[in-house]
Amino acid sequence: MPFLTVDDGTKVHYLDTGTDGPTLMLGHGFFMDAEMWRPQLEALADEYRVIAVDARGHGLTEQAPGVSFDFWRLAWDCWQVADALGLDRIVVGGLSQGGFTAQRMALLQPGRTRGLVLIGTGADAYTEKERAGYEQVIVRNWVERAVPIETMALTMAPVMIGGDRDEHQRAWIEKWCASDPTRLALAARCLIDREDLSSLIGDITAPALLIRGLGDQAFSPARMQDLADGLGGPARFETIVADSVTHICNWTHPQLVTPLIREFLGGLTN
């Protein structure tokens, strides 16, 4: 399993197809890890090199003790992985918080960003109501264990992951129940306290593909349309319409999501 120790001592874990072709680097959603991109890693490897990075506090990445971070820091983690692999121009992408990171990657290195794949995400900060809700759910209920993890996992999975309980949700429920909830303490602050990027995303001129699952309760169609309209380059916005599709639509409905990504990647000429 590949790891990269970045400048502050954090050991960043990532999955890498190592295959020939243009590179797509992907970031996962909160509570998830790089394995959520397994369908795309397997399906796109025939034409592309696909890399999925574990964000700090998630998966197998080993966070340097006591070091706080924000999404700009996560973006630099990803660029350091690209540098270590000798990659210059890549397509960056992500779902939810992975999309927050991808937007910052594009702002930090516009000349190296060929395009963006943004799924179930946005550019704006959370509203006060949203912040209060996430403080309760993530910080108090999860990190501080005010509610049993098993109870939260069973409640969250159908809403966040969607799909079929056995096929799509069960492995993640088991992973959550076996995890150390305190690992997410710093990641929670990164998520909840992130700043509004709306005034900056006009500087992102690379082409973008935006995707939203029809039943996504985290990001409304209007919120994602605002993101599409605010980007400085051409942006295509697609909705995944299917039974039980919610936030993590790439995992539950890869047969609908992956062809859109492949088509987008194939249309990039730069």
C-alpha atoms as a PDB file:
ATOM      1  CA  MET A   1       0.000   0.000   0.000  1.00  0.00           C
ATOM      2  CA  PRO A   2       1.556   3.313  -1.040  1.00  0.00           C
ATOM      3  CA  PHE A   3       2.169   6.060   1.497  1.00  0.00           C
ATOM      4  CA  LEU A   4       3.842   9.449   1.236  1.00  0.00           C
ATOM      5  CA  THR A   5       5.220  11.292   4.252  1.00  0.00           C
ATOM      6  CA  VAL A   6       4.496  14.964   3.598  1.00  0.00           C
ATOM      7  CA  ASP A   7       6.322  17.988   4.974  1.00  0.00           C
ATOM      8  CA  ASP A   8       4.643  18.089   8.427  1.00  0.00           C
ATOM      9  CA  GLY A   9       5.201  14.375   9.081  1.00  0.00           C
ATOM     10  CA  THR A  10       1.734  13.110   8.146  1.00  0.00           C
ATOM     11  CA  LYS A  11       1.810   9.788   6.261  1.00  0.00           C
ATOM     12  CA  VAL A  12      -0.695  10.135   3.441  1.00  0.00           C
ATOM     13  CA  HIS A  13      -2.122   6.890   2.113  1.00  0.00           C
ATOM     14  CA  TYR A  14      -3.440   6.590  -1.422  1.00  0.00           C
ATOM     15  CA  LEU A  15      -4.641   4.007  -3.921  1.00  0.00           C
ATOM     16  CA  ASP A  16      -3.063   4.065  -7.359  1.00  0.00           C
ATOM     17  CA  THR A  17      -3.909   2.005 -10.417  1.00  0.00           C
ATOM     18  CA  GLY A  18      -0.408   2.738 -11.743  1.00  0.00           C
ATOM     19  CA  THR A  19      -1.748   2.364 -15.250  1.00  0.00           C
ATOM     20  CA  ASP A  20      -0.868   4.292 -18.388  1.00  0.00           C
ATOM     21  CA  GLY A  21      -2.873   7.287 -19.516  1.00  0.00           C
ATOM     22  CA  PRO A  22      -3.870  10.716 -18.207  1.00  0.00           C
ATOM     23  CA  THR A  23      -4.282  10.933 -14.435  1.00  0.00           C
ATOM     24  CA  LEU A  24      -7.434  11.485 -12.405  1.00  0.00           C
ATOM     25  CA  MET A  25      -6.899  12.143  -8.683  1.00  0.00           C
ATOM     26  CA  LEU A  26      -9.940  11.773  -6.425  1.00  0.00           C
ATOM     27  CA  GLY A  27     -10.867  12.731  -2.871  1.00  0.00           C
ATOM     28  CA  HIS A  28     -13.536  11.004  -0.775  1.00  0.00           C
ATOM     29  CA  GLY A  29     -16.386  12.279   1.377  1.00  0.00           C
ATOM     30  CA  PHE A  30     -16.418  12.740   5.140  1.00  0.00           C
ATOM     31  CA  PHE A  31     -16.766   9.440   7.084  1.00  0.00           C
ATOM     32  CA  MET A  32     -15.585   7.592   3.939  1.00  0.00           C
ATOM     33  CA  ASP A  33     -12.127   6.764   2.580  1.00  0.00           C
ATOM     34  CA  ALA A  34     -10.360   6.102  -0.715  1.00  0.00           C
ATOM     35  CA  GLU A  35     -12.078   2.721  -1.073  1.00  0.00           C
ATOM     36  CA  MET A  36     -15.302   4.503  -2.037  1.00  0.00           C
ATOM     37  CA  TRP A  37     -13.657   5.096  -5.428  1.00  0.00           C
ATOM     38  CA  ARG A  38     -12.994   1.381  -6.006  1.00  0.00           C
ATOM     39  CA  PRO A  39     -15.602   1.144  -8.828  1.00  0.00           C
ATOM     40  CA  GLN A  40     -13.901   3.958 -10.727  1.00  0.00           C
ATOM     41  CA  LEU A  41     -10.380   2.711  -9.992  1.00  0.00           C
ATOM     42  CA  GLU A  42     -11.301  -0.611 -11.550  1.00  0.00           C
ATOM     43  CA  ALA A  43     -13.425   0.631 -14.440  1.00  0.00           C
ATOM     44  CA  LEU A  44     -11.260   3.515 -15.688  1.00  0.00           C
ATOM     45  CA  ALA A  45      -7.846   1.828 -15.411  1.00  0.00           C
ATOM     46  CA  ASP A  46      -8.057   0.638 -19.006  1.00  0.00           C
ATOM     47  CA  GLU A  47      -7.540   4.199 -20.256  1.00  0.00           C
ATOM     48  CA  TYR A  48      -6.487   6.302 -17.275  1.00  0.00           C
ATOM     49  CA  ARG A  49      -4.326   6.333 -14.198  1.00  0.00           C
ATOM     50  CA  VAL A  50      -6.669   6.806 -11.244  1.00  0.00           C
ATOM     51  CA  ILE A  51      -5.450   7.803  -7.785  1.00  0.00           C
ATOM     52  CA  ALA A  52      -7.637   8.060  -4.674  1.00  0.00           C
ATOM     53  CA  VAL A  53      -6.206   9.764  -1.582  1.00  0.00           C
ATOM     54  CA  ASP A  54      -7.157   9.155   2.054  1.00  0.00           C
ATOM     55  CA  ALA A  55      -7.719  12.545   3.689  1.00  0.00           C
ATOM     56  CA  ARG A  56      -6.350  13.260   7.149  1.00  0.00           C
ATOM     57  CA  GLY A  57      -8.419  11.586   9.845  1.00  0.00           C
ATOM     58  CA  HIS A  58      -9.712   8.985   7.385  1.00  0.00           C
ATOM     59  CA  GLY A  59      -8.692   5.626   6.003  1.00  0.00           C
ATOM     60  CA  LEU A  60      -5.062   4.623   6.456  1.00  0.00           C
ATOM     61  CA  THR A  61      -3.559   8.117   6.466  1.00  0.00           C
ATOM     62  CA  GLU A  62      -1.589   8.677   9.681  1.00  0.00           C
ATOM     63  CA  GLN A  63      -2.036  12.241  10.886  1.00  0.00           C
ATOM     64  CA  ALA A  64       0.946  13.954  12.534  1.00  0.00           C
ATOM     65  CA  PRO A  65      -0.008  14.399  16.231  1.00  0.00           C
ATOM     66  CA  GLY A  66      -1.540  17.711  17.243  1.00  0.00           C
ATOM     67  CA  VAL A  67      -1.358  19.302  13.789  1.00  0.00           C
ATOM     68  CA  SER A  68      -4.581  21.043  12.780  1.00  0.00           C
ATOM     69  CA  PHE A  69      -5.425  21.406   9.108  1.00  0.00           C
ATOM     70  CA  ASP A  70      -7.845  22.885   6.624  1.00  0.00           C
ATOM     71  CA  PHE A  71      -8.839  22.051   3.065  1.00  0.00           C
ATOM     72  CA  TRP A  72      -5.943  24.083   1.656  1.00  0.00           C
ATOM     73  CA  ARG A  73      -3.622  21.773   3.585  1.00  0.00           C
ATOM     74  CA  LEU A  74      -5.438  18.723   2.204  1.00  0.00           C
ATOM     75  CA  ALA A  75      -5.054  20.175  -1.283  1.00  0.00           C
ATOM     76  CA  TRP A  76      -1.293  20.504  -0.763  1.00  0.00           C
ATOM     77  CA  ASP A  77      -1.192  16.899   0.496  1.00  0.00           C
ATOM     78  CA  CYS A  78      -2.654  15.812  -2.836  1.00  0.00           C
ATOM     79  CA  TRP A  79      -0.263  17.935  -4.863  1.00  0.00           C
ATOM     80  CA  GLN A  80       2.641  16.478  -2.881  1.00  0.00           C
ATOM     81  CA  VAL A  81       1.433  13.004  -3.860  1.00  0.00           C
ATOM     82  CA  ALA A  82       1.323  14.139  -7.494  1.00  0.00           C
ATOM     83  CA  ASP A  83       4.833  15.585  -7.184  1.00  0.00           C
ATOM     84  CA  ALA A  84       6.191  12.397  -5.630  1.00  0.00           C
ATOM     85  CA  LEU A  85       4.737  10.376  -8.522  1.00  0.00           C
ATOM     86  CA  GLY A  86       6.210  12.722 -11.114  1.00  0.00           C
ATOM     87  CA  LEU A  87       2.789  13.887 -12.335  1.00  0.00           C
ATOM     88  CA  ASP A  88       2.443  17.319 -13.876  1.00  0.00           C
ATOM     89  CA  ARG A  89      -1.012  18.066 -15.303  1.00  0.00           C
ATOM     90  CA  ILE A  90      -3.885  16.041 -13.895  1.00  0.00           C
ATOM     91  CA  VAL A  91      -7.656  16.050 -13.529  1.00  0.00           C
ATOM     92  CA  VAL A  92      -8.667  16.638  -9.918  1.00  0.00           C
ATOM     93  CA  GLY A  93     -11.936  15.548  -8.414  1.00  0.00           C
ATOM     94  CA  GLY A  94     -13.862  14.549  -5.374  1.00  0.00           C
ATOM     95  CA  LEU A  95     -17.167  14.010  -3.654  1.00  0.00           C
ATOM     96  CA  SER A  96     -18.409  16.297  -0.883  1.00  0.00           C
ATOM     97  CA  GLN A  97     -15.316  17.240   1.160  1.00  0.00           C
ATOM     98  CA  GLY A  98     -13.207  15.731  -1.616  1.00  0.00           C
ATOM     99  CA  GLY A  99     -14.763  18.346  -3.881  1.00  0.00           C
ATOM    100  CA  PHE A 100     -13.811  21.087  -1.410  1.00  0.00           C
ATOM    101  CA  THR A 101     -10.232  19.846  -1.693  1.00  0.00           C
ATOM    102  CA  ALA A 102     -10.336  19.582  -5.495  1.00  0.00           C
ATOM    103  CA  GLN A 103     -11.477  23.185  -5.872  1.00  0.00           C
ATOM    104  CA  ARG A 104      -8.566  24.342  -3.739  1.00  0.00           C
ATOM    105  CA  MET A 105      -6.170  22.152  -5.709  1.00  0.00           C
ATOM    106  CA  ALA A 106      -7.294  23.945  -8.860  1.00  0.00           C
ATOM    107  CA  LEU A 107      -6.854  27.354  -7.239  1.00  0.00           C
ATOM    108  CA  LEU A 108      -3.386  26.478  -5.944  1.00  0.00           C
ATOM    109  CA  GLN A 109      -2.105  24.998  -9.216  1.00  0.00           C
ATOM    110  CA  PRO A 110      -4.259  26.248 -12.110  1.00  0.00           C
ATOM    111  CA  GLY A 111      -1.610  25.450 -14.707  1.00  0.00           C
ATOM    112  CA  ARG A 112      -1.504  21.813 -13.608  1.00  0.00           C
ATOM    113  CA  THR A 113      -5.279  21.311 -13.481  1.00  0.00           C
ATOM    114  CA  ARG A 114      -6.657  19.811 -16.701  1.00  0.00           C
ATOM    115  CA  GLY A 115     -10.208  19.532 -15.414  1.00  0.00           C
ATOM    116  CA  LEU A 116     -12.388  18.911 -12.375  1.00  0.00           C
ATOM    117  CA  VAL A 117     -14.903  16.192 -11.463  1.00  0.00           C
ATOM    118  CA  LEU A 118     -17.100  17.522  -8.650  1.00  0.00           C
ATOM    119  CA  ILE A 119     -19.747  15.232  -7.140  1.00  0.00           C
ATOM    120  CA  GLY A 120     -22.204  16.240  -4.424  1.00  0.00           C
ATOM    121  CA  THR A 121     -20.273  19.312  -3.327  1.00  0.00           C
ATOM    122  CA  GLY A 122     -20.286  23.101  -3.253  1.00  0.00           C
ATOM    123  CA  ALA A 123     -18.154  26.217  -2.927  1.00  0.00           C
ATOM    124  CA  ASP A 124     -19.997  28.069  -0.168  1.00  0.00           C
ATOM    125  CA  ALA A 125     -19.517  27.691   3.575  1.00  0.00           C
ATOM    126  CA  TYR A 126     -22.113  26.018   5.741  1.00  0.00           C
ATOM    127  CA  THR A 127     -24.965  28.140   7.057  1.00  0.00           C
ATOM    128  CA  GLU A 128     -25.217  28.675  10.807  1.00  0.00           C
ATOM    129  CA  LYS A 129     -27.999  26.089  10.923  1.00  0.00           C
ATOM    130  CA  GLU A 130     -25.847  23.560   9.054  1.00  0.00           C
ATOM    131  CA  ARG A 131     -22.859  24.274  11.300  1.00  0.00           C
ATOM    132  CA  ALA A 132     -24.969  23.686  14.394  1.00  0.00           C
ATOM    133  CA  GLY A 133     -26.292  20.446  12.942  1.00  0.00           C
ATOM    134  CA  TYR A 134     -22.836  19.118  12.099  1.00  0.00           C
ATOM    135  CA  GLU A 135     -21.512  20.168  15.526  1.00  0.00           C
ATOM    136  CA  GLN A 136     -24.202  17.977  17.046  1.00  0.00           C
ATOM    137  CA  VAL A 137     -23.909  15.014  14.709  1.00  0.00           C
ATOM    138  CA  ILE A 138     -20.147  14.866  14.142  1.00  0.00           C
ATOM    139  CA  VAL A 139     -18.561  16.460  17.199  1.00  0.00           C
ATOM    140  CA  ARG A 140     -20.911  15.623  20.057  1.00  0.00           C
ATOM    141  CA  ASN A 141     -22.620  12.472  18.819  1.00  0.00           C
ATOM    142  CA  TRP A 142     -19.703  10.854  16.941  1.00  0.00           C
ATOM    143  CA  VAL A 143     -16.370  12.155  18.234  1.00  0.00           C
ATOM    144  CA  GLU A 144     -17.535  12.604  21.833  1.00  0.00           C
ATOM    145  CA  ARG A 145     -19.706   9.452  21.625  1.00  0.00           C
ATOM    146  CA  ALA A 146     -22.915  10.975  22.913  1.00  0.00           C
ATOM    147  CA  VAL A 147     -24.726   8.418  20.757  1.00  0.00           C
ATOM    148  CA  PRO A 148     -23.525   4.821  20.197  1.00  0.00           C
ATOM    149  CA  ILE A 149     -21.633   4.548  16.910  1.00  0.00           C
ATOM    150  CA  GLU A 150     -23.715   1.519  15.938  1.00  0.00           C
ATOM    151  CA  THR A 151     -26.901   3.571  16.223  1.00  0.00           C
ATOM    152  CA  MET A 152     -25.471   6.429  14.187  1.00  0.00           C
ATOM    153  CA  ALA A 153     -24.042   4.134  11.534  1.00  0.00           C
ATOM    154  CA  LEU A 154     -27.340   2.367  10.931  1.00  0.00           C
ATOM    155  CA  THR A 155     -29.135   5.708  10.692  1.00  0.00           C
ATOM    156  CA  MET A 156     -26.564   7.440   8.461  1.00  0.00           C
ATOM    157  CA  ALA A 157     -25.929   4.708   5.923  1.00  0.00           C
ATOM    158  CA  PRO A 158     -29.234   4.775   4.011  1.00  0.00           C
ATOM    159  CA  VAL A 159     -29.319   8.572   3.957  1.00  0.00           C
ATOM    160  CA  MET A 160     -25.694   9.209   3.061  1.00  0.00           C
ATOM    161  CA  ILE A 161     -24.637   6.126   1.105  1.00  0.00           C
ATOM    162  CA  GLY A 162     -27.983   4.966  -0.235  1.00  0.00           C
ATOM    163  CA  GLY A 163     -28.260   1.900  -2.438  1.00  0.00           C
ATOM    164  CA  ASP A 164     -28.784  -1.577  -0.999  1.00  0.00           C
ATOM    165  CA  ARG A 165     -28.141  -2.331   2.677  1.00  0.00           C
ATOM    166  CA  ASP A 166     -26.114  -5.488   2.053  1.00  0.00           C
ATOM    167  CA  GLU A 167     -24.419  -4.609  -1.218  1.00  0.00           C
ATOM    168  CA  HIS A 168     -23.536  -0.981  -0.609  1.00  0.00           C
ATOM    169  CA  GLN A 169     -23.919  -0.055   3.059  1.00  0.00           C
ATOM    170  CA  ARG A 170     -22.921  -3.014   5.222  1.00  0.00           C
ATOM    171  CA  ALA A 171     -19.145  -2.856   4.660  1.00  0.00           C
ATOM    172  CA  TRP A 172     -19.104   0.832   5.613  1.00  0.00           C
ATOM    173  CA  ILE A 173     -21.293   0.268   8.672  1.00  0.00           C
ATOM    174  CA  GLU A 174     -18.883  -2.410   9.875  1.00  0.00           C
ATOM    175  CA  LYS A 175     -15.913  -0.150   9.189  1.00  0.00           C
ATOM    176  CA  TRP A 176     -17.472   2.735  11.113  1.00  0.00           C
ATOM    177  CA  CYS A 177     -18.344   0.534  14.086  1.00  0.00           C
ATOM    178  CA  ALA A 178     -14.749  -0.725  14.285  1.00  0.00           C
ATOM    179  CA  SER A 179     -13.190   2.742  13.995  1.00  0.00           C
ATOM    180  CA  ASP A 180     -11.827   5.137  16.618  1.00  0.00           C
ATOM    181  CA  PRO A 181     -14.299   8.054  16.495  1.00  0.00           C
ATOM    182  CA  THR A 182     -11.787  10.485  17.997  1.00  0.00           C
ATOM    183  CA  ARG A 183      -9.728  10.290  14.782  1.00  0.00           C
ATOM    184  CA  LEU A 184     -12.279  12.624  13.218  1.00  0.00           C
ATOM    185  CA  ALA A 185     -11.877  15.431  15.765  1.00  0.00           C
ATOM    186  CA  LEU A 186      -9.533  17.603  13.683  1.00  0.00           C
ATOM    187  CA  ALA A 187     -11.209  16.616  10.433  1.00  0.00           C
ATOM    188  CA  ALA A 188     -14.526  17.782  11.889  1.00  0.00           C
ATOM    189  CA  ARG A 189     -13.108  21.232  12.550  1.00  0.00           C
ATOM    190  CA  CYS A 190     -11.700  21.323   9.007  1.00  0.00           C
ATOM    191  CA  LEU A 191     -15.132  20.474   7.619  1.00  0.00           C
ATOM    192  CA  ILE A 192     -17.352  22.649   9.783  1.00  0.00           C
ATOM    193  CA  ASP A 193     -15.120  25.736   9.841  1.00  0.00           C
ATOM    194  CA  ARG A 194     -14.244  25.885   6.149  1.00  0.00           C
ATOM    195  CA  GLU A 195     -14.503  29.278   4.468  1.00  0.00           C
ATOM    196  CA  ASP A 196     -16.668  30.364   1.530  1.00  0.00           C
ATOM    197  CA  LEU A 197     -14.907  29.974  -1.831  1.00  0.00           C
ATOM    198  CA  SER A 198     -17.662  31.535  -3.917  1.00  0.00           C
ATOM    199  CA  SER A 199     -15.683  34.702  -4.660  1.00  0.00           C
ATOM    200  CA  LEU A 200     -12.639  32.699  -5.755  1.00  0.00           C
ATOM    201  CA  ILE A 201     -13.968  29.925  -7.988  1.00  0.00           C
ATOM    202  CA  GLY A 202     -14.301  32.252 -10.959  1.00  0.00           C
ATOM    203  CA  ASP A 203     -10.523  31.905 -11.204  1.00  0.00           C
ATOM    204  CA  ILE A 204     -10.935  28.182 -11.938  1.00  0.00           C
ATOM    205  CA  THR A 205     -11.016  28.102 -15.730  1.00  0.00           C
ATOM    206  CA  ALA A 206     -10.458  24.388 -16.358  1.00  0.00           C
ATOM    207  CA  PRO A 207     -13.483  22.438 -17.655  1.00  0.00           C
ATOM    208  CA  ALA A 208     -15.624  20.840 -14.956  1.00  0.00           C
ATOM    209  CA  LEU A 209     -18.091  17.982 -14.691  1.00  0.00           C
ATOM    210  CA  LEU A 210     -20.571  18.282 -11.828  1.00  0.00           C
ATOM    211  CA  ILE A 211     -22.684  15.300 -10.715  1.00  0.00           C
ATOM    212  CA  ARG A 212     -25.389  15.029  -8.077  1.00  0.00           C
ATOM    213  CA  GLY A 213     -27.439  12.056  -6.939  1.00  0.00           C
ATOM    214  CA  LEU A 214     -31.141  12.841  -7.093  1.00  0.00           C
ATOM    215  CA  GLY A 215     -31.683  11.974  -3.432  1.00  0.00           C
ATOM    216  CA  ASP A 216     -28.635  13.831  -2.096  1.00  0.00           C
ATOM    217  CA  GLN A 217     -29.737  15.605   1.103  1.00  0.00           C
ATOM    218  CA  ALA A 218     -26.388  17.299   1.688  1.00  0.00           C
ATOM    219  CA  PHE A 219     -26.218  19.391  -1.489  1.00  0.00           C
ATOM    220  CA  SER A 220     -29.311  20.719  -3.197  1.00  0.00           C
ATOM    221  CA  PRO A 221     -29.631  21.169  -6.973  1.00  0.00           C
ATOM    222  CA  ALA A 222     -29.557  24.950  -6.465  1.00  0.00           C
ATOM    223  CA  ARG A 223     -26.344  24.762  -4.454  1.00  0.00           C
ATOM    224  CA  MET A 224     -24.605  22.732  -7.116  1.00  0.00           C
ATOM    225  CA  GLN A 225     -25.963  24.957  -9.870  1.00  0.00           C
ATOM    226  CA  ASP A 226     -24.470  27.935  -8.040  1.00  0.00           C
ATOM    227  CA  LEU A 227     -21.135  26.117  -8.099  1.00  0.00           C
ATOM    228  CA  ALA A 228     -21.451  25.412 -11.819  1.00  0.00           C
ATOM    229  CA  ASP A 229     -22.417  29.013 -12.554  1.00  0.00           C
ATOM    230  CA  GLY A 230     -19.597  30.410 -10.434  1.00  0.00           C
ATOM    231  CA  LEU A 231     -16.768  28.471 -12.054  1.00  0.00           C
ATOM    232  CA  GLY A 232     -14.732  30.395 -14.600  1.00  0.00           C
ATOM    233  CA  GLY A 233     -14.595  27.621 -17.177  1.00  0.00           C
ATOM    234  CA  PRO A 234     -17.111  25.434 -18.999  1.00  0.00           C
ATOM    235  CA  ALA A 235     -19.179  23.406 -16.528  1.00  0.00           C
ATOM    236  CA  ARG A 236     -21.566  20.522 -17.209  1.00  0.00           C
ATOM    237  CA  PHE A 237     -24.029  19.546 -14.480  1.00  0.00           C
ATOM    238  CA  GLU A 238     -25.595  16.073 -14.518  1.00  0.00           C
ATOM    239  CA  THR A 239     -28.134  14.506 -12.139  1.00  0.00           C
ATOM    240  CA  ILE A 240     -28.113  10.772 -11.418  1.00  0.00           C
ATOM    241  CA  VAL A 241     -31.711   9.581 -11.434  1.00  0.00           C
ATOM    242  CA  ALA A 242     -32.240   6.087 -10.029  1.00  0.00           C
ATOM    243  CA  ASP A 243     -33.902   4.245  -7.179  1.00  0.00           C
ATOM    244  CA  SER A 244     -32.172   4.712  -3.796  1.00  0.00           C
ATOM    245  CA  VAL A 245     -29.484   7.071  -5.141  1.00  0.00           C
ATOM    246  CA  THR A 246     -28.318   9.582  -2.528  1.00  0.00           C
ATOM    247  CA  HIS A 247     -24.998  11.279  -1.719  1.00  0.00           C
ATOM    248  CA  ILE A 248     -22.362   8.610  -2.453  1.00  0.00           C
ATOM    249  CA  CYS A 249     -23.714   7.962  -5.930  1.00  0.00           C
ATOM    250  CA  ASN A 250     -20.395   6.895  -7.476  1.00  0.00           C
ATOM    251  CA  TRP A 251     -20.331   3.888  -5.082  1.00  0.00           C
ATOM    252  CA  THR A 252     -23.946   2.788  -5.367  1.00  0.00           C
ATOM    253  CA  HIS A 253     -24.550   3.601  -9.037  1.00  0.00           C
ATOM    254  CA  PRO A 254     -21.191   3.369 -10.844  1.00  0.00           C
ATOM    255  CA  GLN A 255     -22.965   2.149 -13.990  1.00  0.00           C
ATOM    256  CA  LEU A 256     -24.422   5.657 -14.278  1.00  0.00           C
ATOM    257  CA  VAL A 257     -21.616   7.781 -12.836  1.00  0.00           C
ATOM    258  CA  THR A 258     -18.511   6.204 -14.371  1.00  0.00           C
ATOM    259  CA  PRO A 259     -19.594   6.622 -18.029  1.00  0.00           C
ATOM    260  CA  LEU A 260     -20.100  10.336 -17.394  1.00  0.00           C
ATOM    261  CA  ILE A 261     -16.591  10.609 -15.970  1.00  0.00           C
ATOM    262  CA  ARG A 262     -15.122   8.617 -18.862  1.00  0.00           C
ATOM    263  CA  GLU A 263     -16.902  10.790 -21.407  1.00  0.00           C
ATOM    264  CA  PHE A 264     -15.688  13.947 -19.691  1.00  0.00           C
ATOM    265  CA  LEU A 265     -12.096  12.744 -19.505  1.00  0.00           C
ATOM    266  CA  GLY A 266     -12.174  11.691 -23.134  1.00  0.00           C
ATOM    267  CA  GLY A 267     -13.321  15.146 -24.191  1.00  0.00           C
ATOM    268  CA  LEU A 268     -10.446  17.015 -22.560  1.00  0.00           C
ATOM    269  CA  THR A 269      -7.973  18.209 -25.157  1.00  0.00           C
ATOM    270  CA  ASN A 270      -5.501  20.168 -23.038  1.00  0.00           C
END
